[in-house]
Amino acid sequence: MAQRPRWTFLTSHASVLLEVAREPDATVREIAERAGVTERQAHRVLADLVEDGYLQRERVGRRNHYRVDHARAMRHPAVADRRIGELLDALSR
C-alpha cells in the first residue's frame, strides 16, 4: 500500500516567510532546507512574497537581505483583519 503524502498546517509561503523572519540574511538554499521545500520552490515563493509586498529584498554584496513587512495584512478573507507580524510572533514563540 502506497503511503499518503505528508501534509502540514502551514503553506510553503508561510514556512518560507517564517524562515526569512528568523534569519533575514539566509541564502535561498538555507531557507529552502529549513522550510522543507526545494530550492526552486523557495525562489518562486520568495518572488511571490516580494511581488506582493510581504518582503523587501536588498542586495548586499553577493547576497540578498530580506525585510518582512510585519504590518502587511494577511491575504485570506477570513483573517484579512490580522497582520503578518501577528502570525510570525505566534509561530516564533
PDB file of N, CA and C in Angstrom:
ATOM      1  N   MET A   1       0.841  -1.179   0.000  1.00  0.00           N
ATOM      2  CA  MET A   1       0.000   0.000   0.000  1.00  0.00           C
ATOM      3  C   MET A   1       0.892   1.251   0.000  1.00  0.00           C
ATOM      4  N   ALA A   2       0.602   2.175  -0.886  1.00  0.00           N
ATOM      5  CA  ALA A   2       1.395   3.400  -1.006  1.00  0.00           C
ATOM      6  C   ALA A   2       1.106   4.330   0.165  1.00  0.00           C
ATOM      7  N   GLN A   3       2.153   5.003   0.626  1.00  0.00           N
ATOM      8  CA  GLN A   3       1.980   5.952   1.713  1.00  0.00           C
ATOM      9  C   GLN A   3       1.304   7.214   1.202  1.00  0.00           C
ATOM     10  N   ARG A   4       0.473   7.786   2.035  1.00  0.00           N
ATOM     11  CA  ARG A   4      -0.146   9.063   1.692  1.00  0.00           C
ATOM     12  C   ARG A   4       0.906  10.154   1.793  1.00  0.00           C
ATOM     13  N   PRO A   5       0.804  11.170   0.956  1.00  0.00           N
ATOM     14  CA  PRO A   5       1.754  12.288   1.050  1.00  0.00           C
ATOM     15  C   PRO A   5       1.620  12.993   2.392  1.00  0.00           C
ATOM     16  N   ARG A   6       2.749  13.490   2.884  1.00  0.00           N
ATOM     17  CA  ARG A   6       2.724  14.267   4.127  1.00  0.00           C
ATOM     18  C   ARG A   6       2.049  15.600   3.865  1.00  0.00           C
ATOM     19  N   TRP A   7       1.406  16.114   4.870  1.00  0.00           N
ATOM     20  CA  TRP A   7       0.836  17.451   4.768  1.00  0.00           C
ATOM     21  C   TRP A   7       1.185  18.216   6.029  1.00  0.00           C
ATOM     22  N   THR A   8       1.112  19.514   5.937  1.00  0.00           N
ATOM     23  CA  THR A   8       1.419  20.356   7.080  1.00  0.00           C
ATOM     24  C   THR A   8       0.340  21.430   7.217  1.00  0.00           C
ATOM     25  N   PHE A   9       0.308  22.063   8.363  1.00  0.00           N
ATOM     26  CA  PHE A   9      -0.664  23.120   8.591  1.00  0.00           C
ATOM     27  C   PHE A   9      -0.267  24.430   7.910  1.00  0.00           C
ATOM     28  N   LEU A  10       1.009  24.610   7.643  1.00  0.00           N
ATOM     29  CA  LEU A  10       1.481  25.846   7.025  1.00  0.00           C
ATOM     30  C   LEU A  10       1.776  25.625   5.549  1.00  0.00           C
ATOM     31  N   THR A  11       1.432  26.590   4.736  1.00  0.00           N
ATOM     32  CA  THR A  11       1.762  26.538   3.317  1.00  0.00           C
ATOM     33  C   THR A  11       3.261  26.784   3.137  1.00  0.00           C
ATOM     34  N   SER A  12       3.743  26.545   1.952  1.00  0.00           N
ATOM     35  CA  SER A  12       5.153  26.831   1.673  1.00  0.00           C
ATOM     36  C   SER A  12       5.421  28.333   1.814  1.00  0.00           C
ATOM     37  N   HIS A  13       4.444  29.155   1.478  1.00  0.00           N
ATOM     38  CA  HIS A  13       4.629  30.604   1.616  1.00  0.00           C
ATOM     39  C   HIS A  13       4.802  30.995   3.088  1.00  0.00           C
ATOM     40  N   ALA A  14       3.979  30.436   3.950  1.00  0.00           N
ATOM     41  CA  ALA A  14       4.099  30.740   5.375  1.00  0.00           C
ATOM     42  C   ALA A  14       5.418  30.213   5.931  1.00  0.00           C
ATOM     43  N   SER A  15       5.809  29.023   5.514  1.00  0.00           N
ATOM     44  CA  SER A  15       7.059  28.431   6.004  1.00  0.00           C
ATOM     45  C   SER A  15       8.268  29.252   5.576  1.00  0.00           C
ATOM     46  N   VAL A  16       8.291  29.666   4.322  1.00  0.00           N
ATOM     47  CA  VAL A  16       9.410  30.478   3.815  1.00  0.00           C
ATOM     48  C   VAL A  16       9.426  31.834   4.516  1.00  0.00           C
ATOM     49  N   LEU A  17       8.267  32.461   4.665  1.00  0.00           N
ATOM     50  CA  LEU A  17       8.197  33.752   5.344  1.00  0.00           C
ATOM     51  C   LEU A  17       8.697  33.647   6.776  1.00  0.00           C
ATOM     52  N   LEU A  18       8.327  32.594   7.467  1.00  0.00           N
ATOM     53  CA  LEU A  18       8.782  32.377   8.837  1.00  0.00           C
ATOM     54  C   LEU A  18      10.297  32.226   8.899  1.00  0.00           C
ATOM     55  N   GLU A  19      10.866  31.474   7.961  1.00  0.00           N
ATOM     56  CA  GLU A  19      12.319  31.288   7.952  1.00  0.00           C
ATOM     57  C   GLU A  19      13.052  32.577   7.625  1.00  0.00           C
ATOM     58  N   VAL A  20      12.502  33.373   6.733  1.00  0.00           N
ATOM     59  CA  VAL A  20      13.117  34.669   6.417  1.00  0.00           C
ATOM     60  C   VAL A  20      13.054  35.581   7.642  1.00  0.00           C
ATOM     61  N   ALA A  21      11.934  35.569   8.349  1.00  0.00           N
ATOM     62  CA  ALA A  21      11.808  36.391   9.555  1.00  0.00           C
ATOM     63  C   ALA A  21      12.828  35.971  10.610  1.00  0.00           C
ATOM     64  N   ARG A  22      13.094  34.678  10.689  1.00  0.00           N
ATOM     65  CA  ARG A  22      14.066  34.170  11.668  1.00  0.00           C
ATOM     66  C   ARG A  22      15.492  34.524  11.296  1.00  0.00           C
ATOM     67  N   GLU A  23      15.796  34.486   9.991  1.00  0.00           N
ATOM     68  CA  GLU A  23      17.176  34.721   9.528  1.00  0.00           C
ATOM     69  C   GLU A  23      17.140  35.476   8.202  1.00  0.00           C
ATOM     70  N   PRO A  24      17.050  36.822   8.254  1.00  0.00           N
ATOM     71  CA  PRO A  24      16.907  37.633   7.041  1.00  0.00           C
ATOM     72  C   PRO A  24      18.083  37.559   6.068  1.00  0.00           C
ATOM     73  N   ASP A  25      19.233  37.116   6.535  1.00  0.00           N
ATOM     74  CA  ASP A  25      20.404  37.033   5.660  1.00  0.00           C
ATOM     75  C   ASP A  25      20.686  35.618   5.171  1.00  0.00           C
ATOM     76  N   ALA A  26      19.779  34.691   5.406  1.00  0.00           N
ATOM     77  CA  ALA A  26      19.980  33.305   4.966  1.00  0.00           C
ATOM     78  C   ALA A  26      19.974  33.228   3.447  1.00  0.00           C
ATOM     79  N   THR A  27      20.704  32.267   2.925  1.00  0.00           N
ATOM     80  CA  THR A  27      20.689  32.030   1.481  1.00  0.00           C
ATOM     81  C   THR A  27      19.395  31.314   1.116  1.00  0.00           C
ATOM     82  N   VAL A  28      19.077  31.312  -0.161  1.00  0.00           N
ATOM     83  CA  VAL A  28      17.876  30.612  -0.620  1.00  0.00           C
ATOM     84  C   VAL A  28      17.989  29.124  -0.289  1.00  0.00           C
ATOM     85  N   ARG A  29      19.159  28.585  -0.433  1.00  0.00           N
ATOM     86  CA  ARG A  29      19.362  27.164  -0.090  1.00  0.00           C
ATOM     87  C   ARG A  29      19.048  26.912   1.385  1.00  0.00           C
ATOM     88  N   GLU A  30      19.538  27.780   2.253  1.00  0.00           N
ATOM     89  CA  GLU A  30      19.276  27.625   3.690  1.00  0.00           C
ATOM     90  C   GLU A  30      17.790  27.778   3.997  1.00  0.00           C
ATOM     91  N   ILE A  31      17.149  28.762   3.374  1.00  0.00           N
ATOM     92  CA  ILE A  31      15.715  28.971   3.576  1.00  0.00           C
ATOM     93  C   ILE A  31      14.942  27.735   3.130  1.00  0.00           C
ATOM     94  N   ALA A  32      15.286  27.214   1.968  1.00  0.00           N
ATOM     95  CA  ALA A  32      14.600  26.035   1.431  1.00  0.00           C
ATOM     96  C   ALA A  32      14.742  24.840   2.365  1.00  0.00           C
ATOM     97  N   GLU A  33      15.943  24.583   2.830  1.00  0.00           N
ATOM     98  CA  GLU A  33      16.178  23.450   3.730  1.00  0.00           C
ATOM     99  C   GLU A  33      15.370  23.585   5.009  1.00  0.00           C
ATOM    100  N   ARG A  34      15.389  24.770   5.595  1.00  0.00           N
ATOM    101  CA  ARG A  34      14.682  24.988   6.865  1.00  0.00           C
ATOM    102  C   ARG A  34      13.166  24.946   6.696  1.00  0.00           C
ATOM    103  N   ALA A  35      12.687  25.399   5.531  1.00  0.00           N
ATOM    104  CA  ALA A  35      11.237  25.427   5.277  1.00  0.00           C
ATOM    105  C   ALA A  35      10.724  24.094   4.753  1.00  0.00           C
ATOM    106  N   GLY A  36      11.638  23.197   4.374  1.00  0.00           N
ATOM    107  CA  GLY A  36      11.221  21.893   3.870  1.00  0.00           C
ATOM    108  C   GLY A  36      10.686  21.933   2.453  1.00  0.00           C
ATOM    109  N   VAL A  37      11.234  22.835   1.639  1.00  0.00           N
ATOM    110  CA  VAL A  37      10.844  22.939   0.234  1.00  0.00           C
ATOM    111  C   VAL A  37      12.096  22.841  -0.632  1.00  0.00           C
ATOM    112  N   THR A  38      11.897  22.678  -1.927  1.00  0.00           N
ATOM    113  CA  THR A  38      13.041  22.650  -2.827  1.00  0.00           C
ATOM    114  C   THR A  38      13.579  24.070  -3.002  1.00  0.00           C
ATOM    115  N   GLU A  39      14.802  24.165  -3.451  1.00  0.00           N
ATOM    116  CA  GLU A  39      15.392  25.480  -3.690  1.00  0.00           C
ATOM    117  C   GLU A  39      14.618  26.226  -4.775  1.00  0.00           C
ATOM    118  N   ARG A  40      14.192  25.502  -5.779  1.00  0.00           N
ATOM    119  CA  ARG A  40      13.418  26.100  -6.865  1.00  0.00           C
ATOM    120  C   ARG A  40      12.100  26.676  -6.339  1.00  0.00           C
ATOM    121  N   GLN A  41      11.429  25.899  -5.484  1.00  0.00           N
ATOM    122  CA  GLN A  41      10.173  26.367  -4.903  1.00  0.00           C
ATOM    123  C   GLN A  41      10.413  27.580  -4.006  1.00  0.00           C
ATOM    124  N   ALA A  42      11.504  27.571  -3.263  1.00  0.00           N
ATOM    125  CA  ALA A  42      11.831  28.710  -2.405  1.00  0.00           C
ATOM    126  C   ALA A  42      12.025  29.979  -3.239  1.00  0.00           C
ATOM    127  N   HIS A  43      12.686  29.856  -4.375  1.00  0.00           N
ATOM    128  CA  HIS A  43      12.860  31.012  -5.281  1.00  0.00           C
ATOM    129  C   HIS A  43      11.506  31.554  -5.717  1.00  0.00           C
ATOM    130  N   ARG A  44      10.590  30.659  -6.109  1.00  0.00           N
ATOM    131  CA  ARG A  44       9.255  31.088  -6.559  1.00  0.00           C
ATOM    132  C   ARG A  44       8.484  31.761  -5.429  1.00  0.00           C
ATOM    133  N   VAL A  45       8.530  31.163  -4.246  1.00  0.00           N
ATOM    134  CA  VAL A  45       7.807  31.712  -3.096  1.00  0.00           C
ATOM    135  C   VAL A  45       8.378  33.080  -2.718  1.00  0.00           C
ATOM    136  N   LEU A  46       9.689  33.200  -2.674  1.00  0.00           N
ATOM    137  CA  LEU A  46      10.309  34.485  -2.353  1.00  0.00           C
ATOM    138  C   LEU A  46       9.895  35.545  -3.371  1.00  0.00           C
ATOM    139  N   ALA A  47       9.871  35.185  -4.644  1.00  0.00           N
ATOM    140  CA  ALA A  47       9.441  36.129  -5.684  1.00  0.00           C
ATOM    141  C   ALA A  47       7.994  36.555  -5.460  1.00  0.00           C
ATOM    142  N   ASP A  48       7.118  35.617  -5.110  1.00  0.00           N
ATOM    143  CA  ASP A  48       5.720  35.950  -4.812  1.00  0.00           C
ATOM    144  C   ASP A  48       5.631  36.923  -3.643  1.00  0.00           C
ATOM    145  N   LEU A  49       6.359  36.624  -2.576  1.00  0.00           N
ATOM    146  CA  LEU A  49       6.303  37.445  -1.366  1.00  0.00           C
ATOM    147  C   LEU A  49       6.857  38.846  -1.607  1.00  0.00           C
ATOM    148  N   VAL A  50       7.898  38.944  -2.422  1.00  0.00           N
ATOM    149  CA  VAL A  50       8.449  40.257  -2.770  1.00  0.00           C
ATOM    150  C   VAL A  50       7.456  41.009  -3.657  1.00  0.00           C
ATOM    151  N   GLU A  51       6.920  40.331  -4.660  1.00  0.00           N
ATOM    152  CA  GLU A  51       5.982  40.966  -5.597  1.00  0.00           C
ATOM    153  C   GLU A  51       4.744  41.517  -4.885  1.00  0.00           C
ATOM    154  N   ASP A  52       4.257  40.798  -3.887  1.00  0.00           N
ATOM    155  CA  ASP A  52       3.053  41.225  -3.177  1.00  0.00           C
ATOM    156  C   ASP A  52       3.343  42.112  -1.971  1.00  0.00           C
ATOM    157  N   GLY A  53       4.606  42.447  -1.745  1.00  0.00           N
ATOM    158  CA  GLY A  53       4.955  43.418  -0.711  1.00  0.00           C
ATOM    159  C   GLY A  53       5.148  42.871   0.691  1.00  0.00           C
ATOM    160  N   TYR A  54       5.119  41.557   0.849  1.00  0.00           N
ATOM    161  CA  TYR A  54       5.336  40.973   2.180  1.00  0.00           C
ATOM    162  C   TYR A  54       6.812  40.996   2.556  1.00  0.00           C
ATOM    163  N   LEU A  55       7.678  40.992   1.559  1.00  0.00           N
ATOM    164  CA  LEU A  55       9.128  41.073   1.765  1.00  0.00           C
ATOM    165  C   LEU A  55       9.696  42.176   0.902  1.00  0.00           C
ATOM    166  N   GLN A  56      10.739  42.808   1.405  1.00  0.00           N
ATOM    167  CA  GLN A  56      11.568  43.686   0.590  1.00  0.00           C
ATOM    168  C   GLN A  56      12.923  42.995   0.484  1.00  0.00           C
ATOM    169  N   ARG A  57      13.477  43.006  -0.726  1.00  0.00           N
ATOM    170  CA  ARG A  57      14.766  42.356  -0.963  1.00  0.00           C
ATOM    171  C   ARG A  57      15.789  43.440  -1.269  1.00  0.00           C
ATOM    172  N   GLU A  58      16.928  43.337  -0.592  1.00  0.00           N
ATOM    173  CA  GLU A  58      18.023  44.277  -0.816  1.00  0.00           C
ATOM    174  C   GLU A  58      19.291  43.480  -1.074  1.00  0.00           C
ATOM    175  N   ARG A  59      19.970  43.839  -2.125  1.00  0.00           N
ATOM    176  CA  ARG A  59      21.223  43.181  -2.454  1.00  0.00           C
ATOM    177  C   ARG A  59      22.322  43.751  -1.564  1.00  0.00           C
ATOM    178  N   VAL A  60      23.042  42.886  -0.865  1.00  0.00           N
ATOM    179  CA  VAL A  60      24.155  43.287  -0.009  1.00  0.00           C
ATOM    180  C   VAL A  60      25.353  42.450  -0.448  1.00  0.00           C
ATOM    181  N   GLY A  61      26.228  43.069  -1.216  1.00  0.00           N
ATOM    182  CA  GLY A  61      27.353  42.313  -1.776  1.00  0.00           C
ATOM    183  C   GLY A  61      26.837  41.264  -2.749  1.00  0.00           C
ATOM    184  N   ARG A  62      27.182  40.016  -2.494  1.00  0.00           N
ATOM    185  CA  ARG A  62      26.745  38.921  -3.363  1.00  0.00           C
ATOM    186  C   ARG A  62      25.497  38.223  -2.837  1.00  0.00           C
ATOM    187  N   ARG A  63      24.944  38.717  -1.749  1.00  0.00           N
ATOM    188  CA  ARG A  63      23.799  38.051  -1.118  1.00  0.00           C
ATOM    189  C   ARG A  63      22.594  38.984  -1.047  1.00  0.00           C
ATOM    190  N   ASN A  64      21.465  38.399  -0.764  1.00  0.00           N
ATOM    191  CA  ASN A  64      20.246  39.172  -0.546  1.00  0.00           C
ATOM    192  C   ASN A  64      19.967  39.277   0.944  1.00  0.00           C
ATOM    193  N   HIS A  65      19.439  40.412   1.334  1.00  0.00           N
ATOM    194  CA  HIS A  65      18.943  40.611   2.687  1.00  0.00           C
ATOM    195  C   HIS A  65      17.448  40.888   2.534  1.00  0.00           C
ATOM    196  N   TYR A  66      16.635  40.214   3.316  1.00  0.00           N
ATOM    197  CA  TYR A  66      15.189  40.372   3.230  1.00  0.00           C
ATOM    198  C   TYR A  66      14.676  41.079   4.474  1.00  0.00           C
ATOM    199  N   ARG A  67      13.631  41.859   4.276  1.00  0.00           N
ATOM    200  CA  ARG A  67      12.974  42.530   5.383  1.00  0.00           C
ATOM    201  C   ARG A  67      11.476  42.247   5.266  1.00  0.00           C
ATOM    202  N   VAL A  68      10.891  41.747   6.344  1.00  0.00           N
ATOM    203  CA  VAL A  68       9.474  41.409   6.364  1.00  0.00           C
ATOM    204  C   VAL A  68       8.662  42.653   6.717  1.00  0.00           C
ATOM    205  N   ASP A  69       7.573  42.878   5.997  1.00  0.00           N
ATOM    206  CA  ASP A  69       6.641  43.951   6.326  1.00  0.00           C
ATOM    207  C   ASP A  69       5.623  43.384   7.311  1.00  0.00           C
ATOM    208  N   HIS A  70       5.901  43.548   8.598  1.00  0.00           N
ATOM    209  CA  HIS A  70       5.070  42.970   9.659  1.00  0.00           C
ATOM    210  C   HIS A  70       3.667  43.577   9.702  1.00  0.00           C
ATOM    211  N   ALA A  71       3.490  44.754   9.130  1.00  0.00           N
ATOM    212  CA  ALA A  71       2.194  45.428   9.165  1.00  0.00           C
ATOM    213  C   ALA A  71       1.270  44.988   8.029  1.00  0.00           C
ATOM    214  N   ARG A  72       1.792  44.219   7.103  1.00  0.00           N
ATOM    215  CA  ARG A  72       1.002  43.790   5.940  1.00  0.00           C
ATOM    216  C   ARG A  72      -0.137  42.868   6.380  1.00  0.00           C
ATOM    217  N   ALA A  73      -1.318  43.088   5.810  1.00  0.00           N
ATOM    218  CA  ALA A  73      -2.486  42.256   6.139  1.00  0.00           C
ATOM    219  C   ALA A  73      -2.347  40.869   5.521  1.00  0.00           C
ATOM    220  N   MET A  74      -2.940  39.899   6.182  1.00  0.00           N
ATOM    221  CA  MET A  74      -2.969  38.546   5.626  1.00  0.00           C
ATOM    222  C   MET A  74      -3.917  38.529   4.426  1.00  0.00           C
ATOM    223  N   ARG A  75      -3.680  37.592   3.532  1.00  0.00           N
ATOM    224  CA  ARG A  75      -4.423  37.566   2.273  1.00  0.00           C
ATOM    225  C   ARG A  75      -5.789  36.899   2.364  1.00  0.00           C
ATOM    226  N   HIS A  76      -5.926  35.878   3.169  1.00  0.00           N
ATOM    227  CA  HIS A  76      -7.186  35.134   3.208  1.00  0.00           C
ATOM    228  C   HIS A  76      -8.292  36.007   3.820  1.00  0.00           C
ATOM    229  N   PRO A  77      -9.468  36.051   3.181  1.00  0.00           N
ATOM    230  CA  PRO A  77     -10.549  36.916   3.686  1.00  0.00           C
ATOM    231  C   PRO A  77     -10.924  36.658   5.149  1.00  0.00           C
ATOM    232  N   ALA A  78     -10.807  35.426   5.604  1.00  0.00           N
ATOM    233  CA  ALA A  78     -11.192  35.101   6.984  1.00  0.00           C
ATOM    234  C   ALA A  78     -10.273  35.740   8.024  1.00  0.00           C
ATOM    235  N   VAL A  79      -9.056  36.100   7.621  1.00  0.00           N
ATOM    236  CA  VAL A  79      -8.092  36.688   8.558  1.00  0.00           C
ATOM    237  C   VAL A  79      -7.476  37.977   8.014  1.00  0.00           C
ATOM    238  N   ALA A  80      -8.160  38.596   7.063  1.00  0.00           N
ATOM    239  CA  ALA A  80      -7.626  39.805   6.419  1.00  0.00           C
ATOM    240  C   ALA A  80      -7.494  40.980   7.381  1.00  0.00           C
ATOM    241  N   ASP A  81      -8.160  40.896   8.535  1.00  0.00           N
ATOM    242  CA  ASP A  81      -8.031  41.967   9.523  1.00  0.00           C
ATOM    243  C   ASP A  81      -6.809  41.772  10.419  1.00  0.00           C
ATOM    244  N   ARG A  82      -6.080  40.693  10.227  1.00  0.00           N
ATOM    245  CA  ARG A  82      -4.887  40.395  11.028  1.00  0.00           C
ATOM    246  C   ARG A  82      -3.629  40.726  10.224  1.00  0.00           C
ATOM    247  N   ARG A  83      -2.554  40.978  10.918  1.00  0.00           N
ATOM    248  CA  ARG A  83      -1.282  41.348  10.287  1.00  0.00           C
ATOM    249  C   ARG A  83      -0.321  40.170  10.294  1.00  0.00           C
ATOM    250  N   ILE A  84       0.561  40.146   9.302  1.00  0.00           N
ATOM    251  CA  ILE A  84       1.557  39.087   9.179  1.00  0.00           C
ATOM    252  C   ILE A  84       2.424  39.015  10.427  1.00  0.00           C
ATOM    253  N   GLY A  85       2.744  40.152  10.997  1.00  0.00           N
ATOM    254  CA  GLY A  85       3.557  40.180  12.207  1.00  0.00           C
ATOM    255  C   GLY A  85       2.932  39.392  13.350  1.00  0.00           C
ATOM    256  N   GLU A  86       1.611  39.403  13.428  1.00  0.00           N
ATOM    257  CA  GLU A  86       0.922  38.644  14.473  1.00  0.00           C
ATOM    258  C   GLU A  86       1.146  37.144  14.280  1.00  0.00           C
ATOM    259  N   LEU A  87       1.060  36.698  13.047  1.00  0.00           N
ATOM    260  CA  LEU A  87       1.288  35.280  12.737  1.00  0.00           C
ATOM    261  C   LEU A  87       2.731  34.901  13.058  1.00  0.00           C
ATOM    262  N   LEU A  88       3.659  35.711  12.626  1.00  0.00           N
ATOM    263  CA  LEU A  88       5.075  35.429  12.867  1.00  0.00           C
ATOM    264  C   LEU A  88       5.382  35.411  14.356  1.00  0.00           C
ATOM    265  N   ASP A  89       4.813  36.343  15.098  1.00  0.00           N
ATOM    266  CA  ASP A  89       5.009  36.366  16.550  1.00  0.00           C
ATOM    267  C   ASP A  89       4.485  35.089  17.181  1.00  0.00           C
ATOM    268  N   ALA A  90       3.296  34.673  16.782  1.00  0.00           N
ATOM    269  CA  ALA A  90       2.688  33.470  17.354  1.00  0.00           C
ATOM    270  C   ALA A  90       3.515  32.222  17.041  1.00  0.00           C
ATOM    271  N   LEU A  91       4.055  32.146  15.845  1.00  0.00           N
ATOM    272  CA  LEU A  91       4.813  30.962  15.442  1.00  0.00           C
ATOM    273  C   LEU A  91       6.259  30.978  15.927  1.00  0.00           C
ATOM    274  N   SER A  92       6.730  32.130  16.363  1.00  0.00           N
ATOM    275  CA  SER A  92       8.119  32.242  16.791  1.00  0.00           C
ATOM    276  C   SER A  92       8.316  32.083  18.283  1.00  0.00           C
ATOM    277  N   ARG A  93       7.263  31.952  19.017  1.00  0.00           N
ATOM    278  CA  ARG A  93       7.370  31.832  20.487  1.00  0.00           C
ATOM    279  C   ARG A  93       8.031  30.556  20.897  1.00  0.00           C
TER     280      ARG A  93
END
